Amino acid sequence: MNGMHVVVMGERGRIVVPADVRKLAGLREGTTLVLLPTAEGMVLMTREQLRTRVVEDLAGLDLVGELLADRRKSAAREDGERP
């Protein structure tokens, strides 16, 4: 496998994932795939691959802390205080 495959969209938007790609990725009939549009193009992945990507993208972020800090600033502005 060389890492690049050309597929052609058929009737009703259907594409065929090449057999060697299905084998390598462990895809079987009925496997749910997610098509993710990006600035660079489209990415086709399994739900597990998407979950892993999201977890990696969010690693090291303190989303709760950022939200609380933002809420505190907003509350201070509403109360006429300086943040």
C-alpha atoms as a PDB file:
ATOM      1  CA  MET A   1       0.000   0.000   0.000  1.00  0.00           C
ATOM      2  CA  ASN A   2       1.452   3.352  -1.022  1.00  0.00           C
ATOM      3  CA  GLY A   3      -0.687   5.594   1.226  1.00  0.00           C
ATOM      4  CA  MET A   4      -2.720   7.190  -1.531  1.00  0.00           C
ATOM      5  CA  HIS A   5      -5.837   5.829  -3.180  1.00  0.00           C
ATOM      6  CA  VAL A   6      -8.052   7.384  -5.800  1.00  0.00           C
ATOM      7  CA  VAL A   7     -11.742   6.648  -5.414  1.00  0.00           C
ATOM      8  CA  VAL A   8     -14.611   7.714  -7.626  1.00  0.00           C
ATOM      9  CA  MET A   9     -17.944   8.846  -6.298  1.00  0.00           C
ATOM     10  CA  GLY A  10     -20.717   6.726  -7.685  1.00  0.00           C
ATOM     11  CA  GLU A  11     -24.483   6.834  -7.732  1.00  0.00           C
ATOM     12  CA  ARG A  12     -26.059   8.651  -4.783  1.00  0.00           C
ATOM     13  CA  GLY A  13     -22.642   9.857  -3.535  1.00  0.00           C
ATOM     14  CA  ARG A  14     -21.288   6.409  -2.706  1.00  0.00           C
ATOM     15  CA  ILE A  15     -17.597   5.635  -2.602  1.00  0.00           C
ATOM     16  CA  VAL A  16     -15.808   2.312  -2.191  1.00  0.00           C
ATOM     17  CA  VAL A  17     -13.005   2.085   0.366  1.00  0.00           C
ATOM     18  CA  PRO A  18     -10.260  -0.053  -1.217  1.00  0.00           C
ATOM     19  CA  ALA A  19      -9.879  -3.558   0.242  1.00  0.00           C
ATOM     20  CA  ASP A  20      -6.291  -3.046   1.470  1.00  0.00           C
ATOM     21  CA  VAL A  21      -7.350   0.123   3.316  1.00  0.00           C
ATOM     22  CA  ARG A  22     -10.310  -1.685   4.903  1.00  0.00           C
ATOM     23  CA  LYS A  23      -8.031  -4.512   5.999  1.00  0.00           C
ATOM     24  CA  LEU A  24      -5.368  -2.195   7.424  1.00  0.00           C
ATOM     25  CA  ALA A  25      -7.964  -0.119   9.327  1.00  0.00           C
ATOM     26  CA  GLY A  26      -9.957  -3.143  10.487  1.00  0.00           C
ATOM     27  CA  LEU A  27     -13.108  -1.921   8.759  1.00  0.00           C
ATOM     28  CA  ARG A  28     -16.007  -4.295   8.247  1.00  0.00           C
ATOM     29  CA  GLU A  29     -19.441  -3.974   6.742  1.00  0.00           C
ATOM     30  CA  GLY A  30     -21.506  -1.816   9.065  1.00  0.00           C
ATOM     31  CA  THR A  31     -18.557   0.126  10.523  1.00  0.00           C
ATOM     32  CA  THR A  32     -19.627   3.727  11.114  1.00  0.00           C
ATOM     33  CA  LEU A  33     -17.287   6.273   9.534  1.00  0.00           C
ATOM     34  CA  VAL A  34     -17.187  10.018  10.144  1.00  0.00           C
ATOM     35  CA  LEU A  35     -16.484  12.424   7.284  1.00  0.00           C
ATOM     36  CA  LEU A  36     -14.851  15.529   8.732  1.00  0.00           C
ATOM     37  CA  PRO A  37     -14.485  18.590   6.498  1.00  0.00           C
ATOM     38  CA  THR A  38     -11.304  20.553   7.248  1.00  0.00           C
ATOM     39  CA  ALA A  39      -9.586  23.569   5.714  1.00  0.00           C
ATOM     40  CA  GLU A  40      -7.231  21.188   3.907  1.00  0.00           C
ATOM     41  CA  GLY A  41      -9.927  18.840   2.606  1.00  0.00           C
ATOM     42  CA  MET A  42     -11.980  15.946   3.934  1.00  0.00           C
ATOM     43  CA  VAL A  43     -10.870  13.357   6.485  1.00  0.00           C
ATOM     44  CA  LEU A  44     -12.601   9.988   6.741  1.00  0.00           C
ATOM     45  CA  MET A  45     -12.165   8.220  10.093  1.00  0.00           C
ATOM     46  CA  THR A  46     -13.828   5.834  12.488  1.00  0.00           C
ATOM     47  CA  ARG A  47     -15.597   7.112  15.586  1.00  0.00           C
ATOM     48  CA  GLU A  48     -12.725   5.820  17.731  1.00  0.00           C
ATOM     49  CA  GLN A  49     -10.184   7.684  15.589  1.00  0.00           C
ATOM     50  CA  LEU A  50     -12.271  10.872  15.932  1.00  0.00           C
ATOM     51  CA  ARG A  51     -12.505  10.425  19.710  1.00  0.00           C
ATOM     52  CA  THR A  52      -8.729   9.996  19.917  1.00  0.00           C
ATOM     53  CA  ARG A  53      -8.192  13.105  17.779  1.00  0.00           C
ATOM     54  CA  VAL A  54     -10.495  15.224  19.971  1.00  0.00           C
ATOM     55  CA  VAL A  55      -8.849  13.983  23.185  1.00  0.00           C
ATOM     56  CA  GLU A  56      -5.391  14.814  21.777  1.00  0.00           C
ATOM     57  CA  ASP A  57      -6.563  18.266  20.621  1.00  0.00           C
ATOM     58  CA  LEU A  58      -7.950  19.056  24.085  1.00  0.00           C
ATOM     59  CA  ALA A  59      -5.017  17.624  26.058  1.00  0.00           C
ATOM     60  CA  GLY A  60      -3.477  20.157  28.423  1.00  0.00           C
ATOM     61  CA  LEU A  61      -6.344  22.615  28.164  1.00  0.00           C
ATOM     62  CA  ASP A  62      -8.164  23.778  31.290  1.00  0.00           C
ATOM     63  CA  LEU A  63     -11.571  24.412  29.768  1.00  0.00           C
ATOM     64  CA  VAL A  64     -13.367  24.676  33.116  1.00  0.00           C
ATOM     65  CA  GLY A  65     -10.786  27.128  34.459  1.00  0.00           C
ATOM     66  CA  GLU A  66     -11.027  29.247  31.312  1.00  0.00           C
ATOM     67  CA  LEU A  67     -14.818  29.275  31.497  1.00  0.00           C
ATOM     68  CA  LEU A  68     -14.800  30.268  35.174  1.00  0.00           C
ATOM     69  CA  ALA A  69     -12.289  33.061  34.557  1.00  0.00           C
ATOM     70  CA  ASP A  70     -14.417  34.370  31.681  1.00  0.00           C
ATOM     71  CA  ARG A  71     -17.574  34.251  33.818  1.00  0.00           C
ATOM     72  CA  ARG A  72     -15.824  36.105  36.643  1.00  0.00           C
ATOM     73  CA  LYS A  73     -14.698  38.854  34.249  1.00  0.00           C
ATOM     74  CA  SER A  74     -18.219  39.177  32.867  1.00  0.00           C
ATOM     75  CA  ALA A  75     -19.711  39.354  36.361  1.00  0.00           C
ATOM     76  CA  ALA A  76     -17.171  41.994  37.384  1.00  0.00           C
ATOM     77  CA  ARG A  77     -18.064  44.107  34.312  1.00  0.00           C
ATOM     78  CA  GLU A  78     -21.774  43.781  35.080  1.00  0.00           C
ATOM     79  CA  ASP A  79     -21.136  44.894  38.665  1.00  0.00           C
ATOM     80  CA  GLY A  80     -19.182  47.899  37.421  1.00  0.00           C
ATOM     81  CA  GLU A  81     -15.905  46.577  38.753  1.00  0.00           C
ATOM     82  CA  ARG A  82     -12.603  46.388  36.973  1.00  0.00           C
ATOM     83  CA  PRO A  83     -11.653  42.818  35.996  1.00  0.00           C
END
